[in-house]
Amino acid sequence: MSVIGVVATLKVQPGKEAEFEKVFAALRDKVKSNEKGCLQYDFFKSKSEASTYVVMEQYASQADLDAHGKTEYFRAAGPSLGAVLGGAPTLLFLDKV
C-alpha cells in the first residue's frame, strides 16, 4: 500500500473567506464521514495572506484518491467553491516515504 499525499493551495476572492470556509468545512465533514481510505482532509488558512488556504490530504491508495474525486458531494461542492475561488487550485501530489 502506497500512501498518497495531496497539498492543494487555494486562493479565495477577497471578502469571500467566510463563505469558502463554510462550504469547505461541510465538504470536509462529508469526506471524513464517508471515505475510509481518506486518512487526512484538513484545511488551513495562511497567517500572512488572508485569502490563501492550504488543504492537506492523505489517501491510503491511488484508488482511494480517485474515488474521492468521483463522490457526489465532492462534485456538488464544485460550483459553490468555484464561486468563491480566485482561480484554479495549485495541486502537489506526493508519495509517503
Protein backbone atom coordinates (compact mmCIF):
# COMPACT_ATOMS: atom_id res chain seq x y z
CA MET A 1 0.00 0.00 0.00
CA SER A 2 1.39 3.36 -1.04
CA VAL A 3 0.01 6.36 0.82
CA ILE A 4 -0.67 9.33 -1.46
CA GLY A 5 -0.43 12.89 -0.18
CA VAL A 6 -2.01 15.93 -1.78
CA VAL A 7 -1.33 19.56 -0.92
CA ALA A 8 -3.76 21.94 -2.58
CA THR A 9 -3.23 25.70 -2.41
CA LEU A 10 -6.41 27.69 -2.98
CA LYS A 11 -6.72 31.43 -3.48
CA VAL A 12 -10.09 32.79 -2.39
CA GLN A 13 -11.58 36.03 -3.69
CA PRO A 14 -11.09 38.81 -1.11
CA GLY A 15 -14.15 39.12 1.09
CA LYS A 16 -15.33 35.56 0.34
CA GLU A 17 -13.24 33.80 3.00
CA ALA A 18 -16.14 33.09 5.38
CA GLU A 19 -18.23 31.61 2.56
CA PHE A 20 -15.31 29.44 1.44
CA GLU A 21 -14.74 28.21 5.00
CA LYS A 22 -18.40 27.27 5.40
CA VAL A 23 -18.56 25.34 2.11
CA PHE A 24 -15.23 23.62 2.64
CA ALA A 25 -15.97 22.68 6.26
CA ALA A 26 -19.16 20.94 5.10
CA LEU A 27 -17.20 19.10 2.40
CA ARG A 28 -14.51 18.09 4.90
CA ASP A 29 -17.13 16.65 7.24
CA LYS A 30 -18.64 14.55 4.44
CA VAL A 31 -15.23 13.30 3.32
CA LYS A 32 -14.21 12.32 6.86
CA SER A 33 -17.57 10.59 7.48
CA ASN A 34 -17.74 8.63 4.22
CA GLU A 35 -14.23 7.89 2.94
CA LYS A 36 -12.38 5.24 4.95
CA GLY A 37 -9.45 5.47 2.55
CA CYS A 38 -9.02 9.20 3.23
CA LEU A 39 -6.58 9.40 6.13
CA GLN A 40 -6.42 13.20 6.35
CA TYR A 41 -8.52 16.01 4.89
CA ASP A 42 -7.87 19.28 6.67
CA PHE A 43 -7.60 22.89 5.60
CA PHE A 44 -5.53 25.73 6.94
CA LYS A 45 -5.59 29.50 6.45
CA SER A 46 -2.35 31.32 5.70
CA LYS A 47 -1.15 33.58 8.52
CA SER A 48 0.40 36.01 6.01
CA GLU A 49 -2.21 36.01 3.20
CA ALA A 50 -5.82 36.11 4.44
CA SER A 51 -7.26 34.79 1.18
CA THR A 52 -4.88 31.81 0.80
CA TYR A 53 -5.79 28.36 2.11
CA VAL A 54 -3.92 25.07 2.03
CA VAL A 55 -5.69 21.70 2.03
CA MET A 56 -3.65 18.74 3.28
CA GLU A 57 -4.91 15.34 2.21
CA GLN A 58 -3.71 11.75 2.61
CA TYR A 59 -5.19 8.69 0.95
CA ALA A 60 -4.44 5.03 1.66
CA SER A 61 -4.09 4.34 -2.09
CA GLN A 62 -4.38 5.87 -5.53
CA ALA A 63 -7.76 4.14 -5.83
CA ASP A 64 -8.97 5.99 -2.73
CA LEU A 65 -7.82 9.32 -4.18
CA ASP A 66 -9.55 8.52 -7.48
CA ALA A 67 -12.77 7.58 -5.66
CA HIS A 68 -12.69 10.85 -3.69
CA GLY A 69 -12.90 12.94 -6.84
CA LYS A 70 -15.91 10.96 -8.08
CA THR A 71 -18.09 11.32 -4.98
CA GLU A 72 -21.43 13.07 -5.33
CA TYR A 73 -20.67 15.53 -2.51
CA PHE A 74 -17.25 16.46 -3.94
CA ARG A 75 -18.77 17.16 -7.35
CA ALA A 76 -21.69 19.02 -5.75
CA ALA A 77 -19.29 21.34 -3.87
CA GLY A 78 -17.57 22.34 -7.13
CA PRO A 79 -19.91 25.15 -8.18
CA SER A 80 -20.03 26.66 -4.68
CA LEU A 81 -16.25 26.57 -4.38
CA GLY A 82 -15.81 27.89 -7.90
CA ALA A 83 -17.94 30.90 -7.00
CA VAL A 84 -15.52 31.98 -4.25
CA LEU A 85 -12.13 30.90 -5.61
CA GLY A 86 -9.88 33.35 -7.38
CA GLY A 87 -8.59 30.75 -9.84
CA ALA A 88 -7.75 27.08 -10.15
CA PRO A 89 -6.11 25.42 -7.15
CA THR A 90 -2.42 24.53 -7.30
CA LEU A 91 -2.07 20.79 -6.61
CA LEU A 92 1.04 18.94 -5.41
CA PHE A 93 0.87 15.11 -5.38
CA LEU A 94 3.22 13.25 -3.05
CA ASP A 95 4.26 9.68 -2.20
CA LYS A 96 4.75 8.95 1.50
CA VAL A 97 8.25 7.74 2.33
